[in-house]
Amino acid sequence: MRQVILSLGSGGISGLGIGRSRQKYAYLPEATTDSIFAVVGEELGFIGGVLLILSFVYYLSLIFKIAAHEHDKFSSTLVSGVGAWIGLQVCLNLAAMVALIPLTGVPLPLVSYGGSALVTMLAGIGLVLSVTRHGKL
């Protein structure tokens, strides 16, 4: 946990540069999955970390806007559930990275290295896109 905080702090305002992270090689636990935000914070700095968080806020606001404009109750609930799922995963991962909660093994959606979490996340986003395209499933 100490290395995660050190990694986030060593990035400064603008970061060390893409590919120049030192912590990811041996010090961070699961640098490509669980601790990817620490690597982003070190390489892109505070500005890159804030931009990543703002992009998640933007995408979540789009998902909840889709849910609010959907007339079918099932589709609205489905889209809201996918949005809540993504939002909860983002919050849990970021809280673990800033030492608010212990590391839980929850990957950062669409940023962490692949696997079953990425496949299920893309399936959920596919459901949201299906609702927006057809108006219902």
C-alpha atoms as a PDB file:
ATOM      1  CA  MET A   1       0.000   0.000   0.000  1.00  0.00           C
ATOM      2  CA  ARG A   2       2.910   2.289   0.718  1.00  0.00           C
ATOM      3  CA  GLN A   3       4.262   1.812  -2.786  1.00  0.00           C
ATOM      4  CA  VAL A   4       0.893   2.787  -4.289  1.00  0.00           C
ATOM      5  CA  ILE A   5       0.895   6.096  -2.406  1.00  0.00           C
ATOM      6  CA  LEU A   6       4.552   6.648  -3.313  1.00  0.00           C
ATOM      7  CA  SER A   7       3.756   5.972  -6.957  1.00  0.00           C
ATOM      8  CA  LEU A   8       0.861   8.434  -6.986  1.00  0.00           C
ATOM      9  CA  GLY A   9       2.959  11.082  -5.255  1.00  0.00           C
ATOM     10  CA  SER A  10       6.040  10.704  -7.422  1.00  0.00           C
ATOM     11  CA  GLY A  11       4.085  11.632 -10.543  1.00  0.00           C
ATOM     12  CA  GLY A  12       3.697  15.242  -9.454  1.00  0.00           C
ATOM     13  CA  ILE A  13       1.510  17.558 -11.513  1.00  0.00           C
ATOM     14  CA  SER A  14       2.434  16.447 -15.025  1.00  0.00           C
ATOM     15  CA  GLY A  15       3.914  12.991 -14.428  1.00  0.00           C
ATOM     16  CA  LEU A  16       7.150  11.312 -15.370  1.00  0.00           C
ATOM     17  CA  GLY A  17       6.065  10.567 -18.936  1.00  0.00           C
ATOM     18  CA  ILE A  18       4.435   7.595 -20.584  1.00  0.00           C
ATOM     19  CA  GLY A  19       6.476   4.447 -20.020  1.00  0.00           C
ATOM     20  CA  ARG A  20       8.773   6.052 -17.425  1.00  0.00           C
ATOM     21  CA  SER A  21       7.139   4.663 -14.293  1.00  0.00           C
ATOM     22  CA  ARG A  22       9.625   3.080 -11.914  1.00  0.00           C
ATOM     23  CA  GLN A  23       7.152   1.592  -9.438  1.00  0.00           C
ATOM     24  CA  LYS A  24       5.435  -0.735 -11.899  1.00  0.00           C
ATOM     25  CA  TYR A  25       8.436  -2.985 -12.416  1.00  0.00           C
ATOM     26  CA  ALA A  26       8.765  -4.586  -8.995  1.00  0.00           C
ATOM     27  CA  TYR A  27       7.107  -2.546  -6.291  1.00  0.00           C
ATOM     28  CA  LEU A  28       3.390  -2.249  -7.073  1.00  0.00           C
ATOM     29  CA  PRO A  29       1.092  -5.209  -6.457  1.00  0.00           C
ATOM     30  CA  GLU A  30      -0.563  -6.211  -9.750  1.00  0.00           C
ATOM     31  CA  ALA A  31       0.543  -3.106 -11.647  1.00  0.00           C
ATOM     32  CA  THR A  32      -1.392  -4.014 -14.811  1.00  0.00           C
ATOM     33  CA  THR A  33      -4.701  -4.785 -13.105  1.00  0.00           C
ATOM     34  CA  ASP A  34      -5.490  -3.619  -9.576  1.00  0.00           C
ATOM     35  CA  SER A  35      -2.887  -0.847  -9.301  1.00  0.00           C
ATOM     36  CA  ILE A  36      -3.200   0.591 -12.792  1.00  0.00           C
ATOM     37  CA  PHE A  37      -4.427   3.948 -11.483  1.00  0.00           C
ATOM     38  CA  ALA A  38      -1.186   4.306  -9.502  1.00  0.00           C
ATOM     39  CA  VAL A  39       0.787   3.729 -12.703  1.00  0.00           C
ATOM     40  CA  VAL A  40      -1.379   6.283 -14.541  1.00  0.00           C
ATOM     41  CA  GLY A  41      -0.825   8.742 -11.698  1.00  0.00           C
ATOM     42  CA  GLU A  42       2.924   8.248 -11.818  1.00  0.00           C
ATOM     43  CA  GLU A  43       3.268   8.442 -15.595  1.00  0.00           C
ATOM     44  CA  LEU A  44       0.672  11.141 -16.345  1.00  0.00           C
ATOM     45  CA  GLY A  45       0.653  12.919 -12.993  1.00  0.00           C
ATOM     46  CA  PHE A  46      -2.185  14.668 -11.245  1.00  0.00           C
ATOM     47  CA  ILE A  47      -3.516  16.038 -14.526  1.00  0.00           C
ATOM     48  CA  GLY A  48      -3.731  12.583 -16.117  1.00  0.00           C
ATOM     49  CA  GLY A  49      -5.363  11.098 -13.031  1.00  0.00           C
ATOM     50  CA  VAL A  50      -7.982  13.842 -12.917  1.00  0.00           C
ATOM     51  CA  LEU A  51      -8.658  13.479 -16.647  1.00  0.00           C
ATOM     52  CA  LEU A  52      -9.167   9.728 -16.207  1.00  0.00           C
ATOM     53  CA  ILE A  53     -11.597  10.305 -13.334  1.00  0.00           C
ATOM     54  CA  LEU A  54     -13.438  12.985 -15.326  1.00  0.00           C
ATOM     55  CA  SER A  55     -13.759  10.618 -18.283  1.00  0.00           C
ATOM     56  CA  PHE A  56     -15.400   8.042 -16.004  1.00  0.00           C
ATOM     57  CA  VAL A  57     -17.741  10.723 -14.632  1.00  0.00           C
ATOM     58  CA  TYR A  58     -18.640  11.746 -18.186  1.00  0.00           C
ATOM     59  CA  TYR A  59     -19.344   8.174 -19.328  1.00  0.00           C
ATOM     60  CA  LEU A  60     -21.389   7.446 -16.216  1.00  0.00           C
ATOM     61  CA  SER A  61     -23.415  10.621 -16.725  1.00  0.00           C
ATOM     62  CA  LEU A  62     -24.134   9.520 -20.297  1.00  0.00           C
ATOM     63  CA  ILE A  63     -25.256   6.081 -19.105  1.00  0.00           C
ATOM     64  CA  PHE A  64     -27.582   7.530 -16.471  1.00  0.00           C
ATOM     65  CA  LYS A  65     -28.922  10.058 -18.996  1.00  0.00           C
ATOM     66  CA  ILE A  66     -29.790   7.146 -21.297  1.00  0.00           C
ATOM     67  CA  ALA A  67     -31.507   5.397 -18.388  1.00  0.00           C
ATOM     68  CA  ALA A  68     -33.510   8.512 -17.519  1.00  0.00           C
ATOM     69  CA  HIS A  69     -34.772   8.980 -21.085  1.00  0.00           C
ATOM     70  CA  GLU A  70     -35.758   5.352 -21.591  1.00  0.00           C
ATOM     71  CA  HIS A  71     -39.530   4.763 -21.529  1.00  0.00           C
ATOM     72  CA  ASP A  72     -39.384   1.010 -20.983  1.00  0.00           C
ATOM     73  CA  LYS A  73     -38.969   0.273 -17.267  1.00  0.00           C
ATOM     74  CA  PHE A  74     -36.909  -2.888 -17.824  1.00  0.00           C
ATOM     75  CA  SER A  75     -34.475  -1.142 -20.156  1.00  0.00           C
ATOM     76  CA  SER A  76     -34.154   1.807 -17.801  1.00  0.00           C
ATOM     77  CA  THR A  77     -33.414  -0.494 -14.871  1.00  0.00           C
ATOM     78  CA  LEU A  78     -30.919  -2.504 -16.926  1.00  0.00           C
ATOM     79  CA  VAL A  79     -29.005   0.581 -18.035  1.00  0.00           C
ATOM     80  CA  SER A  80     -29.048   1.999 -14.492  1.00  0.00           C
ATOM     81  CA  GLY A  81     -27.691  -1.285 -13.165  1.00  0.00           C
ATOM     82  CA  VAL A  82     -24.823  -1.313 -15.640  1.00  0.00           C
ATOM     83  CA  GLY A  83     -24.039   2.302 -14.729  1.00  0.00           C
ATOM     84  CA  ALA A  84     -24.100   1.525 -11.015  1.00  0.00           C
ATOM     85  CA  TRP A  85     -21.890  -1.512 -11.592  1.00  0.00           C
ATOM     86  CA  ILE A  86     -19.275   0.515 -13.478  1.00  0.00           C
ATOM     87  CA  GLY A  87     -19.470   3.356 -10.959  1.00  0.00           C
ATOM     88  CA  LEU A  88     -19.052   1.020  -7.996  1.00  0.00           C
ATOM     89  CA  GLN A  89     -16.022  -0.652  -9.560  1.00  0.00           C
ATOM     90  CA  VAL A  90     -14.423   2.719 -10.272  1.00  0.00           C
ATOM     91  CA  CYS A  91     -15.085   3.936  -6.724  1.00  0.00           C
ATOM     92  CA  LEU A  92     -13.753   0.748  -5.125  1.00  0.00           C
ATOM     93  CA  ASN A  93     -10.585   0.761  -7.216  1.00  0.00           C
ATOM     94  CA  LEU A  94      -9.868   4.448  -6.618  1.00  0.00           C
ATOM     95  CA  ALA A  95     -10.600   4.129  -2.890  1.00  0.00           C
ATOM     96  CA  ALA A  96      -8.132   1.250  -2.682  1.00  0.00           C
ATOM     97  CA  MET A  97      -5.497   3.275  -4.535  1.00  0.00           C
ATOM     98  CA  VAL A  98      -5.687   6.200  -2.101  1.00  0.00           C
ATOM     99  CA  ALA A  99      -5.692   3.835   0.923  1.00  0.00           C
ATOM    100  CA  LEU A 100      -9.284   4.428   2.027  1.00  0.00           C
ATOM    101  CA  ILE A 101     -10.025   0.701   1.864  1.00  0.00           C
ATOM    102  CA  PRO A 102      -7.760  -2.350   1.581  1.00  0.00           C
ATOM    103  CA  LEU A 103      -6.845  -3.649  -1.856  1.00  0.00           C
ATOM    104  CA  THR A 104      -9.825  -5.713  -2.969  1.00  0.00           C
ATOM    105  CA  GLY A 105      -8.782  -7.019  -6.366  1.00  0.00           C
ATOM    106  CA  VAL A 106     -11.401  -4.989  -8.241  1.00  0.00           C
ATOM    107  CA  PRO A 107      -9.969  -3.859 -11.597  1.00  0.00           C
ATOM    108  CA  LEU A 108     -10.451  -0.358 -12.998  1.00  0.00           C
ATOM    109  CA  PRO A 109     -13.088  -0.757 -15.745  1.00  0.00           C
ATOM    110  CA  LEU A 110     -11.823  -0.474 -19.326  1.00  0.00           C
ATOM    111  CA  VAL A 111      -8.313   0.452 -18.146  1.00  0.00           C
ATOM    112  CA  SER A 112      -6.984  -2.629 -16.345  1.00  0.00           C
ATOM    113  CA  TYR A 113      -5.430  -5.491 -18.264  1.00  0.00           C
ATOM    114  CA  GLY A 114      -7.965  -7.903 -19.818  1.00  0.00           C
ATOM    115  CA  GLY A 115      -9.547 -11.056 -18.541  1.00  0.00           C
ATOM    116  CA  SER A 116     -13.031 -12.051 -17.522  1.00  0.00           C
ATOM    117  CA  ALA A 117     -13.675  -8.659 -15.889  1.00  0.00           C
ATOM    118  CA  LEU A 118     -13.065  -6.894 -19.203  1.00  0.00           C
ATOM    119  CA  VAL A 119     -15.271  -9.331 -21.125  1.00  0.00           C
ATOM    120  CA  THR A 120     -18.189  -8.911 -18.721  1.00  0.00           C
ATOM    121  CA  MET A 121     -17.729  -5.124 -18.669  1.00  0.00           C
ATOM    122  CA  LEU A 122     -17.865  -5.011 -22.466  1.00  0.00           C
ATOM    123  CA  ALA A 123     -20.988  -7.206 -22.396  1.00  0.00           C
ATOM    124  CA  GLY A 124     -22.637  -4.743 -20.020  1.00  0.00           C
ATOM    125  CA  ILE A 125     -21.698  -1.823 -22.253  1.00  0.00           C
ATOM    126  CA  GLY A 126     -23.072  -3.788 -25.199  1.00  0.00           C
ATOM    127  CA  LEU A 127     -26.410  -4.049 -23.393  1.00  0.00           C
ATOM    128  CA  VAL A 128     -26.430  -0.279 -22.888  1.00  0.00           C
ATOM    129  CA  LEU A 129     -25.665   0.267 -26.575  1.00  0.00           C
ATOM    130  CA  SER A 130     -28.432  -2.160 -27.530  1.00  0.00           C
ATOM    131  CA  VAL A 131     -30.925  -0.198 -25.460  1.00  0.00           C
ATOM    132  CA  THR A 132     -29.844   3.078 -27.061  1.00  0.00           C
ATOM    133  CA  ARG A 133     -29.996   1.657 -30.556  1.00  0.00           C
ATOM    134  CA  HIS A 134     -33.302  -0.184 -30.419  1.00  0.00           C
ATOM    135  CA  GLY A 135     -35.059   1.552 -27.602  1.00  0.00           C
ATOM    136  CA  LYS A 136     -35.671  -1.853 -26.028  1.00  0.00           C
ATOM    137  CA  LEU A 137     -34.083  -5.297 -25.953  1.00  0.00           C
END
